[in-house]
Protein backbone atom coordinates (compact mmCIF):
# COMPACT_ATOMS: atom_id res chain seq x y z
CA MET A 1 115.30 189.72 25.79
CA THR A 2 116.48 187.26 28.44
CA ASP A 3 117.72 184.08 26.76
CA GLU A 4 119.47 182.46 29.71
CA ILE A 5 119.32 182.39 33.50
CA CYS A 6 122.28 180.90 35.36
CA PHE A 7 122.36 179.78 38.98
CA GLU A 8 125.53 179.11 40.96
CA ASN A 9 126.20 177.75 44.44
CA VAL A 10 122.55 177.04 45.23
CA GLU A 11 122.15 175.82 48.78
CA LYS A 12 118.92 174.89 50.56
CA ILE A 13 118.93 173.59 54.12
CA TYR A 14 116.02 172.21 56.14
CA GLY A 15 116.91 171.82 59.80
CA ASP A 16 120.26 170.04 59.86
CA ARG A 17 119.82 168.53 56.39
CA VAL A 18 121.48 170.03 53.32
CA LEU A 19 118.80 169.32 50.74
CA LEU A 20 120.46 171.12 47.82
CA SER A 21 124.09 171.95 47.14
CA VAL A 22 124.07 172.66 43.40
CA GLU A 23 127.21 174.17 41.92
CA ALA A 24 125.69 175.28 38.61
CA PHE A 25 122.36 175.19 36.84
CA SER A 26 121.16 177.10 33.81
CA MET A 27 118.01 177.57 31.76
CA SER A 28 118.41 178.63 28.14
CA ALA A 29 115.86 179.72 25.58
CA GLY A 30 114.44 176.90 23.50
CA GLU A 31 115.89 174.11 25.62
CA CYS A 32 114.15 171.37 27.60
CA THR A 33 115.80 170.02 30.72
CA LEU A 34 114.71 166.94 32.67
CA ILE A 35 115.45 166.62 36.36
CA THR A 36 114.97 163.18 37.85
CA GLY A 37 115.66 161.77 41.28
CA ASP A 38 114.11 159.86 44.14
CA ASN A 39 111.15 161.23 46.05
CA GLY A 40 112.42 163.77 48.58
CA ALA A 41 115.62 164.46 46.64
CA GLY A 42 114.75 168.17 46.33
CA LYS A 43 113.39 168.41 42.79
CA THR A 44 110.40 170.53 43.80
CA SER A 45 112.56 172.79 45.97
CA LEU A 46 114.96 173.38 43.10
CA LEU A 47 112.16 174.26 40.69
CA LYS A 48 110.64 176.67 43.22
CA ILE A 49 114.01 178.33 43.80
CA VAL A 50 114.61 178.92 40.08
CA SER A 51 111.05 180.26 39.80
CA GLY A 52 111.60 182.82 42.57
CA LEU A 53 109.15 181.12 44.94
CA LEU A 54 111.41 179.50 47.55
CA LYS A 55 114.27 181.31 49.25
CA PRO A 56 117.54 179.36 49.38
CA GLN A 57 120.19 179.84 52.04
CA LYS A 58 122.38 181.13 49.24
CA ALA A 59 122.51 181.36 45.46
CA THR A 60 123.93 183.64 42.81
CA VAL A 61 121.66 184.32 39.85
CA THR A 62 122.95 185.76 36.58
CA ILE A 63 120.32 187.38 34.35
CA ASP A 64 121.27 189.30 31.21
CA GLY A 65 124.91 189.02 32.24
CA ASN A 66 124.33 190.62 35.65
CA PRO A 67 125.14 188.47 38.72
CA LEU A 68 122.71 189.07 41.59
CA SER A 69 121.87 187.57 44.93
CA TRP A 70 118.73 185.41 44.83
CA LEU A 71 116.77 188.01 46.81
CA LYS A 72 117.62 190.79 44.36
CA ALA A 73 116.92 188.50 41.40
CA ARG A 74 113.61 187.27 42.82
CA PRO A 75 111.31 189.85 41.11
CA ARG A 76 112.89 189.11 37.73
CA LEU A 77 112.64 185.37 38.27
CA GLN A 78 108.96 185.65 39.09
CA SER A 79 108.36 187.70 35.95
CA LEU A 80 110.34 185.36 33.67
CA VAL A 81 109.58 181.89 35.06
CA VAL A 82 106.17 180.27 35.54
CA TYR A 83 106.06 177.33 37.95
CA LEU A 84 103.32 174.69 37.66
CA HIS A 85 102.78 172.31 40.57
CA GLN A 86 101.86 168.69 39.91
CA SER A 87 98.39 169.54 41.29
CA PRO A 88 97.74 172.90 39.62
CA TYR A 89 95.75 175.50 41.53
CA MET A 90 92.43 176.34 39.92
CA PHE A 91 90.40 179.44 40.69
CA ASP A 92 86.81 178.75 41.73
CA THR A 93 85.38 179.84 38.41
CA ASN A 94 85.01 178.46 34.89
CA VAL A 95 87.80 177.41 32.55
CA TYR A 96 87.50 180.56 30.42
CA ASP A 97 88.04 182.83 33.44
CA ASN A 98 90.96 180.71 34.68
CA VAL A 99 92.73 181.05 31.33
CA ALA A 100 91.92 184.78 31.15
CA TYR A 101 93.24 185.52 34.65
CA GLY A 102 96.75 186.65 33.71
CA LEU A 103 95.54 188.82 30.84
CA ARG A 104 93.00 190.56 33.06
CA ALA A 105 95.69 191.15 35.67
CA ALA A 106 97.72 192.81 32.92
CA LYS A 107 94.67 195.01 32.17
CA LEU A 108 94.51 194.17 28.46
CA PRO A 109 91.42 195.31 26.51
CA ASP A 110 88.44 192.97 26.81
CA ALA A 111 88.27 192.32 23.07
CA GLN A 112 91.93 191.34 22.96
CA ILE A 113 91.52 189.10 26.00
CA ASP A 114 88.55 187.35 24.42
CA GLU A 115 90.42 186.69 21.17
CA MET A 116 93.51 185.38 22.97
CA VAL A 117 91.53 183.19 25.34
CA TRP A 118 89.52 181.50 22.60
CA GLU A 119 92.70 180.83 20.60
CA SER A 120 94.31 179.38 23.70
CA LEU A 121 91.32 177.21 24.60
CA HIS A 122 91.46 175.74 21.12
CA TRP A 123 95.22 175.19 21.47
CA GLY A 124 94.69 173.32 24.74
CA LYS A 125 91.76 171.31 23.35
CA LEU A 126 89.58 172.82 26.06
CA ASP A 127 86.80 174.30 23.91
CA HIS A 128 84.23 171.85 25.25
CA LEU A 129 85.13 172.70 28.85
CA THR A 130 84.92 176.48 28.51
CA HIS A 131 82.01 176.97 30.92
CA ARG A 132 82.85 174.14 33.33
CA ASN A 133 84.04 175.05 36.82
CA ALA A 134 87.78 174.37 36.75
CA ARG A 135 87.84 172.87 40.23
CA VAL A 136 85.67 169.90 39.24
CA LEU A 137 87.87 168.88 36.30
CA SER A 138 89.97 165.73 36.23
CA GLY A 139 93.69 165.93 37.00
CA GLY A 140 94.61 165.78 33.31
CA GLU A 141 92.11 168.48 32.41
CA LYS A 142 93.39 170.73 35.19
CA GLN A 143 96.96 170.29 33.94
CA ARG A 144 95.89 171.29 30.43
CA VAL A 145 94.15 174.37 31.82
CA ALA A 146 97.29 175.24 33.77
CA LEU A 147 99.54 174.82 30.73
CA THR A 148 97.14 176.92 28.63
CA ARG A 149 96.94 179.60 31.33
CA ALA A 150 100.73 179.71 31.51
CA ARG A 151 101.22 179.82 27.74
CA ILE A 152 98.84 182.73 27.19
CA THR A 153 101.07 185.04 29.27
CA LYS A 154 104.09 184.13 27.10
CA PRO A 155 106.67 183.41 29.83
CA ARG A 156 110.29 182.94 28.77
CA PHE A 157 110.73 179.90 31.03
CA LEU A 158 108.38 177.22 32.32
CA ALA A 159 109.06 174.94 35.31
CA LEU A 160 106.87 171.82 35.39
CA ASP A 161 106.79 169.75 38.58
CA GLU A 162 105.76 166.15 37.81
CA PRO A 163 103.27 167.29 35.14
CA THR A 164 101.80 163.83 34.48
CA THR A 165 101.47 162.44 38.01
CA SER A 166 98.41 160.24 38.64
CA MET A 167 97.05 160.60 35.11
CA ASP A 168 95.54 157.91 32.95
CA ARG A 169 97.18 157.04 29.65
CA LYS A 170 94.99 159.34 27.54
CA SER A 171 95.53 162.34 29.82
CA ARG A 172 99.30 161.76 29.89
CA HIS A 173 99.39 161.68 26.09
CA GLN A 174 97.40 164.93 25.83
CA THR A 175 99.72 166.62 28.33
CA TYR A 176 102.84 165.38 26.50
CA GLU A 177 101.45 166.81 23.25
CA LEU A 178 100.97 170.27 24.77
CA ILE A 179 104.46 170.25 26.28
CA GLN A 180 105.92 169.24 22.92
CA GLN A 181 104.08 172.13 21.28
CA LEU A 182 105.45 174.55 23.87
CA ARG A 183 108.94 173.27 23.08
CA GLN A 184 108.27 173.83 19.36
CA GLU A 185 107.25 177.39 20.21
CA ASN A 186 110.79 177.88 21.55
CA MET A 187 109.82 178.07 25.21
CA SER A 188 112.48 177.00 27.69
CA ILE A 189 111.11 174.17 29.85
CA VAL A 190 112.45 172.47 32.97
CA ILE A 191 110.61 169.30 33.96
CA SER A 192 110.92 167.22 37.11
CA THR A 193 109.65 163.74 36.33
CA HIS A 194 109.94 160.01 36.93
CA ASP A 195 108.54 159.37 33.45
CA ILE A 196 111.49 160.00 31.14
CA GLU A 197 110.69 158.16 27.92
CA PRO A 198 107.93 160.42 26.52
CA PHE A 199 110.17 163.49 26.73
CA LEU A 200 113.14 162.06 24.84
CA ASP A 201 111.96 163.66 21.59
CA ILE A 202 112.31 167.16 23.05
CA VAL A 203 114.90 166.92 25.83
CA SER A 204 118.15 168.86 25.59
CA HIS A 205 119.62 167.96 28.99
CA HIS A 206 118.96 165.38 31.70
CA HIS A 207 120.18 165.61 35.27
CA PHE A 208 119.81 163.24 38.19
CA LEU A 209 119.44 164.92 41.58
CA GLU A 210 121.02 162.92 44.38
CA ALA A 211 122.33 163.92 47.81
CA GLY A 212 121.80 167.56 46.88
CA HIS A 213 123.89 167.46 43.73
CA LEU A 214 122.96 167.48 40.05
CA HIS A 215 124.62 164.71 38.05
CA PRO A 216 124.54 165.01 34.24
CA ILE A 217 123.30 162.05 32.23
CA ASP A 218 123.90 161.53 28.52
CA VAL A 219 120.59 161.49 26.69
CA PRO A 220 119.91 159.89 23.29
CA MET A 221 117.90 162.55 21.52
CA ARG A 222 115.68 161.61 18.60
CA SER A 223 115.59 164.28 15.92
CA THR A 224 112.93 164.86 13.28
CA ASP A 225 115.00 163.03 10.66
CA ASN A 226 115.05 159.91 12.87
CA THR A 227 118.74 160.20 13.67
CA SER A 228 120.00 160.05 17.21
CA ARG A 229 122.70 161.90 19.03
CA ALA A 230 123.97 162.03 22.57
CA VAL A 231 123.44 165.26 24.42
CA VAL A 232 126.01 165.93 27.10
CA THR A 233 124.77 168.26 29.81
CA THR A 234 126.69 171.27 31.02
CA PHE A 235 126.05 170.94 34.73
CA HIS A 236 128.92 169.79 36.92
CA ARG A 237 129.17 167.19 39.60
CA HIS A 238 129.82 168.60 43.04
CA GLY A 239 133.53 168.63 43.62
CA SER A 240 134.47 167.63 40.07
């Protein structure tokens, strides 16, 4: 079982601009990492690279102790990491079929799919939307469908790109609750966000992306016994 994916010397260039020059980045089982930064800093590009969706100019990826080029690691990344865009793609069908999509692609028995989908719809508080076309849902409802659809396939790692953008207060709260539950289920989560405060109960590491580099930030982490501790990240400043 893959418990950690490490990236080294990640470089992404657009034209004559070096968007990313990240010395080290890792995702470990059961941890939640926040990535913040200004718009255009490269947060989305970084999440797509670690998800196997965007080719960097260079990067070394270590999976199960084996260092690989990004191209050779790409199939494994795509099987281990699920990336969710801030505006999740919905298939032009009902919510049930959207959630069932990954299970059908895996050719599981219909009875097993049905049982898993209904459990997942209940988990995502989507029971009342089961037969609604997913494309007409609100932004918050679509995000909950996307999180539920991702969870049902049991990925090891989840990359969330601005998961609460343009949501009202109620929808943000519902989305936070689902992400907290995923963290409690020991899923590794990487979140790009401008909205830091709600995630402080679950965050393990926080990094600020600026001028292509990841800068670690100490995070006060609230534990279940109401104590606080500082979490020092393990990423390194460029050139440090």
